[in-house]
Protein backbone atom coordinates (compact mmCIF):
# COMPACT_ATOMS: atom_id res chain seq x y z
CA MET A 1 -76.92 151.56 235.62
CA ALA A 2 -76.89 151.56 231.96
CA LYS A 3 -74.33 152.44 229.53
CA LYS A 4 -74.42 155.70 227.07
CA VAL A 5 -73.53 154.77 223.81
CA ALA A 6 -73.22 157.13 221.59
CA VAL A 7 -74.05 155.92 217.88
CA ILE A 8 -73.00 158.63 214.79
CA GLY A 9 -75.09 158.43 211.78
CA ALA A 10 -78.89 157.21 211.03
CA GLY A 11 -78.36 155.07 207.88
CA VAL A 12 -78.52 151.68 207.49
CA SER A 13 -75.69 150.68 210.00
CA GLY A 14 -76.74 153.26 212.56
CA LEU A 15 -80.35 151.85 212.65
CA ILE A 16 -79.30 148.34 213.25
CA SER A 17 -76.24 149.96 215.95
CA LEU A 18 -79.25 151.60 217.71
CA LYS A 19 -81.99 148.38 217.95
CA CYS A 20 -78.91 146.23 219.07
CA CYS A 21 -77.74 148.63 221.95
CA VAL A 22 -81.78 148.82 222.88
CA ASP A 23 -81.54 144.80 223.08
CA GLU A 24 -78.11 144.71 225.29
CA GLY A 25 -79.87 147.18 227.41
CA LEU A 26 -77.70 150.16 226.47
CA GLU A 27 -78.93 153.48 226.65
CA PRO A 28 -77.84 154.83 222.92
CA THR A 29 -78.17 158.31 221.56
CA CYS A 30 -78.00 158.96 217.65
CA PHE A 31 -77.06 161.98 216.24
CA GLU A 32 -77.58 162.68 212.36
CA ARG A 33 -76.46 165.47 210.56
CA THR A 34 -79.61 165.59 208.28
CA GLU A 35 -83.52 165.90 208.76
CA ASP A 36 -83.96 161.90 208.11
CA ILE A 37 -82.54 158.44 207.98
CA GLY A 38 -81.56 156.32 205.20
CA GLY A 39 -78.01 157.51 204.77
CA LEU A 40 -76.74 156.60 201.48
CA TRP A 41 -79.87 155.35 200.58
CA ARG A 42 -82.44 158.49 200.83
CA PHE A 43 -81.93 160.31 197.29
CA LYS A 44 -82.01 163.87 197.03
CA GLU A 45 -81.85 165.77 193.56
CA ASN A 46 -78.68 167.50 194.98
CA VAL A 47 -75.48 166.95 196.17
CA GLU A 48 -74.90 167.90 199.50
CA ASP A 49 -71.27 168.03 201.29
CA GLY A 50 -70.76 165.69 204.06
CA ARG A 51 -73.37 163.19 202.25
CA ALA A 52 -73.47 160.03 200.40
CA SER A 53 -74.86 160.83 196.93
CA ILE A 54 -76.80 158.53 194.95
CA TYR A 55 -78.16 158.63 191.01
CA GLN A 56 -81.74 158.17 191.14
CA SER A 57 -81.85 154.76 189.32
CA VAL A 58 -79.75 153.00 191.81
CA ILE A 59 -80.96 149.14 192.95
CA THR A 60 -79.37 147.35 195.09
CA ASN A 61 -77.08 144.47 193.71
CA THR A 62 -77.59 142.12 196.71
CA SER A 63 -81.22 140.66 196.84
CA LYS A 64 -83.87 141.22 199.58
CA GLU A 65 -83.38 138.16 200.92
CA MET A 66 -79.49 137.95 201.39
CA SER A 67 -79.96 141.96 202.45
CA CYS A 68 -82.53 141.97 205.02
CA PHE A 69 -81.77 142.36 208.92
CA SER A 70 -81.81 138.77 210.31
CA ASP A 71 -84.51 139.12 212.54
CA PHE A 72 -86.84 141.16 210.16
CA PRO A 73 -87.72 139.96 206.93
CA MET A 74 -88.47 142.37 204.02
CA PRO A 75 -92.25 142.38 202.99
CA GLU A 76 -92.87 139.45 200.46
CA ASP A 77 -94.44 141.60 198.07
CA PHE A 78 -91.25 144.02 197.60
CA PRO A 79 -89.17 142.58 194.65
CA ASN A 80 -85.97 140.58 194.91
CA PHE A 81 -83.59 143.79 193.97
CA LEU A 82 -84.84 147.02 195.36
CA HIS A 83 -84.99 150.51 194.09
CA ASN A 84 -83.61 152.76 196.45
CA SER A 85 -86.77 154.21 197.75
CA LYS A 86 -88.03 150.61 198.39
CA LEU A 87 -84.96 150.22 200.43
CA LEU A 88 -85.85 153.24 202.58
CA GLU A 89 -89.20 152.27 202.99
CA TYR A 90 -87.96 148.91 204.47
CA PHE A 91 -85.34 151.23 206.97
CA ARG A 92 -88.40 153.36 207.59
CA ILE A 93 -90.69 150.32 208.60
CA PHE A 94 -87.92 148.98 210.39
CA ALA A 95 -87.19 151.79 212.48
CA LYS A 96 -91.34 152.48 213.18
CA LYS A 97 -91.53 148.79 214.26
CA PHE A 98 -88.49 148.79 216.68
CA ASP A 99 -89.43 152.49 217.84
CA LEU A 100 -85.63 153.61 217.25
CA LEU A 101 -86.66 157.26 215.77
CA LYS A 102 -86.45 158.58 219.65
CA TYR A 103 -83.30 157.93 220.09
CA ILE A 104 -82.10 159.75 216.95
CA GLN A 105 -81.31 163.42 217.23
CA PHE A 106 -81.70 164.77 213.40
CA GLN A 107 -79.99 168.05 212.44
CA THR A 108 -76.93 167.55 214.74
CA THR A 109 -73.56 167.39 213.24
CA VAL A 110 -71.21 165.80 215.50
CA LEU A 111 -67.77 168.25 215.89
CA SER A 112 -65.66 166.00 218.08
CA VAL A 113 -64.87 162.79 219.94
CA LYS A 114 -62.37 162.85 222.29
CA ARG A 115 -61.07 160.79 225.18
CA CYS A 116 -61.76 161.96 228.68
CA PRO A 117 -58.95 162.96 230.75
CA ASP A 118 -59.47 159.93 233.26
CA PHE A 119 -60.22 158.14 229.96
CA SER A 120 -57.68 155.19 231.22
CA SER A 121 -59.70 154.40 234.18
CA SER A 122 -63.26 155.01 233.07
CA GLY A 123 -63.13 154.12 229.23
CA GLN A 124 -65.23 157.32 228.73
CA TRP A 125 -65.48 159.75 225.83
CA GLU A 126 -66.80 163.53 225.38
CA VAL A 127 -68.51 163.93 222.23
CA VAL A 128 -69.30 167.91 220.98
CA THR A 129 -72.04 168.56 219.10
CA GLU A 130 -74.02 171.45 217.08
CA SER A 131 -77.47 171.75 216.29
CA LYS A 132 -79.25 175.05 215.20
CA GLY A 133 -75.80 176.85 216.14
CA LYS A 134 -75.84 175.75 219.72
CA GLU A 135 -73.08 173.59 220.63
CA GLN A 136 -73.38 170.77 223.59
CA SER A 137 -71.30 168.34 225.11
CA ALA A 138 -72.00 164.93 226.64
CA ILE A 139 -70.12 162.24 227.83
CA PHE A 140 -70.59 158.47 226.55
CA ASP A 141 -69.20 155.06 227.53
CA ALA A 142 -69.06 154.29 223.63
CA ILE A 143 -68.66 155.52 220.28
CA MET A 144 -70.14 153.45 217.34
CA VAL A 145 -69.26 155.62 214.23
CA CYS A 146 -71.73 154.45 211.20
CA SER A 147 -71.00 157.82 209.13
CA GLY A 148 -70.36 155.87 205.80
CA HIS A 149 -67.61 155.81 203.67
CA HIS A 150 -68.95 157.01 200.26
CA ILE A 151 -68.94 160.39 201.03
CA LEU A 152 -65.30 161.91 199.66
CA PRO A 153 -65.13 161.50 195.87
CA ARG A 154 -61.76 160.93 194.60
CA ILE A 155 -60.81 162.38 190.60
CA PRO A 156 -57.08 161.61 190.16
CA LEU A 157 -56.59 164.47 187.43
CA GLU A 158 -53.14 163.88 187.55
CA SER A 159 -53.33 160.53 185.52
CA PHE A 160 -55.37 162.49 182.64
CA PRO A 161 -52.50 164.67 180.94
CA GLY A 162 -54.32 167.41 179.04
CA ILE A 163 -57.26 167.38 181.14
CA GLU A 164 -57.36 171.03 181.37
CA ARG A 165 -57.89 171.51 177.63
CA PHE A 166 -60.76 169.31 177.77
CA LYS A 167 -63.60 171.67 176.38
CA GLY A 168 -65.91 169.04 177.90
CA GLN A 169 -67.80 168.72 180.94
CA TYR A 170 -66.14 166.22 183.34
CA PHE A 171 -67.04 165.12 186.76
CA HIS A 172 -67.56 162.29 189.18
CA SER A 173 -70.23 159.67 189.41
CA ARG A 174 -70.96 161.17 193.00
CA GLN A 175 -72.58 164.22 191.03
CA TYR A 176 -74.57 162.41 188.60
CA LYS A 177 -78.34 162.02 188.97
CA ASN A 178 -80.12 161.36 185.85
CA PRO A 179 -79.36 160.79 181.95
CA ASP A 180 -81.33 164.34 181.48
CA GLY A 181 -79.24 166.66 179.32
CA PHE A 182 -76.61 164.36 177.54
CA GLU A 183 -78.91 163.78 174.63
CA GLY A 184 -76.84 163.51 171.58
CA LYS A 185 -73.40 163.76 173.62
CA ARG A 186 -70.23 161.70 173.63
CA VAL A 187 -70.05 160.33 176.87
CA LEU A 188 -66.81 158.57 178.32
CA VAL A 189 -67.22 156.81 181.81
CA ILE A 190 -63.64 155.65 183.35
CA GLY A 191 -64.06 152.60 185.65
CA ILE A 192 -66.60 149.77 185.46
CA GLY A 193 -67.46 149.26 188.56
CA ASN A 194 -71.22 149.19 190.11
CA SER A 195 -71.71 152.99 189.68
CA ALA A 196 -69.82 153.26 186.11
CA SER A 197 -71.49 150.27 184.75
CA ASP A 198 -75.02 151.37 185.57
CA ILE A 199 -74.56 154.88 184.48
CA ALA A 200 -72.99 153.69 180.92
CA VAL A 201 -75.81 151.74 180.44
CA GLU A 202 -78.48 154.61 181.24
CA LEU A 203 -76.70 157.00 179.36
CA SER A 204 -76.66 154.97 176.33
CA LYS A 205 -80.33 155.16 175.91
CA LYS A 206 -80.16 159.11 175.24
CA ALA A 207 -76.49 160.06 174.58
CA SER A 208 -75.19 159.25 171.05
CA GLN A 209 -72.42 157.13 172.04
CA VAL A 210 -71.09 155.50 175.58
CA PHE A 211 -67.76 154.19 176.03
CA ILE A 212 -66.12 153.03 179.07
CA SER A 213 -62.51 152.79 179.95
CA THR A 214 -61.24 149.91 182.07
CA ARG A 215 -57.73 149.14 183.09
CA GLN A 216 -58.06 145.62 183.78
CA GLY A 217 -61.18 144.32 183.08
CA SER A 218 -63.94 142.68 184.99
CA TRP A 219 -66.24 139.74 185.49
CA VAL A 220 -69.85 141.24 184.73
CA LEU A 221 -72.82 139.50 186.36
CA SER A 222 -76.68 139.43 185.96
CA ARG A 223 -78.57 139.47 189.11
CA ILE A 224 -80.22 136.76 187.83
CA SER A 225 -78.52 133.39 188.26
CA ASP A 226 -79.94 129.86 187.68
CA CYS A 227 -83.17 129.09 187.55
CA GLY A 228 -84.17 132.58 187.81
CA TYR A 229 -83.00 132.93 191.34
CA PRO A 230 -80.86 136.11 192.56
CA TRP A 231 -76.99 135.50 192.25
CA ASP A 232 -76.20 135.94 196.06
CA MET A 233 -78.63 133.34 196.65
CA VAL A 234 -76.95 130.72 194.11
CA PHE A 235 -73.39 131.89 195.27
CA HIS A 236 -73.51 131.95 198.61
CA THR A 237 -74.40 128.67 199.92
CA ARG A 238 -73.41 126.28 202.53
CA PHE A 239 -72.31 123.52 199.49
CA ARG A 240 -70.41 126.40 197.67
CA SER A 241 -68.47 127.85 200.73
CA MET A 242 -67.68 123.84 201.33
CA LEU A 243 -66.41 123.74 198.31
CA ARG A 244 -64.10 126.94 198.24
CA ASN A 245 -62.68 125.14 201.34
CA VAL A 246 -61.72 122.25 200.02
CA LEU A 247 -60.99 122.75 196.42
CA PRO A 248 -57.50 123.74 194.94
CA ARG A 249 -57.63 127.63 194.32
CA ALA A 250 -56.69 126.70 190.60
CA VAL A 251 -60.09 124.67 190.21
CA GLN A 252 -62.22 127.13 191.93
CA LYS A 253 -60.59 129.90 189.40
CA TRP A 254 -61.75 127.67 186.40
CA MET A 255 -64.97 126.72 187.45
CA LEU A 256 -65.78 130.54 188.54
CA GLU A 257 -64.21 132.02 185.26
CA ARG A 258 -66.38 128.82 183.28
CA GLN A 259 -69.74 130.05 185.23
CA MET A 260 -69.19 133.81 184.42
CA ASN A 261 -68.64 133.07 180.59
CA GLN A 262 -71.63 131.10 180.26
CA TRP A 263 -73.77 134.88 180.18
CA PHE A 264 -71.06 135.95 177.30
CA HIS A 265 -67.56 135.35 176.49
CA HIS A 266 -65.80 138.43 178.39
CA GLU A 267 -62.92 137.76 175.85
CA ASN A 268 -64.96 138.88 172.70
CA TYR A 269 -65.75 142.30 174.45
CA GLY A 270 -62.18 142.80 176.23
CA LEU A 271 -63.26 142.84 179.29
CA GLU A 272 -61.49 139.25 180.72
CA PRO A 273 -60.08 140.64 183.79
CA GLN A 274 -56.09 140.44 183.35
CA ASN A 275 -55.12 139.24 187.04
CA LYS A 276 -58.19 136.52 186.79
């Protein structure tokens, strides 16, 4: 008798987990609290509690060749770097190709996952779910948690003395959707990760002025690298991996810094990382 597996979440990790379970002859059941697949990559106009939220213009920062599932290449006519809607389209093609939707229970929230009383001998788990106001309980042999990790925003207001007197608007990037409404405003973006950089660039086209605040600087890469190839196809090769394994760390750092500064000298913009 095939073992039953509960997969929590129908985003990218949930979908590939479903396929792997089917490939191994297991019986998966996926619980998805929303009405559709895609997880983080399914853009919605409004922020929803308990669900990852992205802005409308999000584009992948890894190429389609390095991001696709190993047994399912992306369509050739897809661009090297995908808008979130294109990546969601790929997930839909993938789910349809391997008939994964029949394993998913949509609009079903997992309330609890607990070990069964005989867990030491059976290794089984009890999963309690809720759908349309009705609770159900089921026993599974294994659990795969694919609920993502971009759900809860962190806003350390204690790090900004005087914020309570600030009369402007402040919020986490999770709440940002598009640049509308920022016309003529002065905006401070705190942080220099992927989201902060994207949002700062987008806002700079509408706001009167945009500032980025960063504690330690950061290396800024273009998505396009040598000879026009995607950066990850140039950086992640067997040859470069071999070099990283044999060269002294000091030499590796010198080579990487030199490469990063070929696009622009980070020191000129106050961006050179303090910890290199």
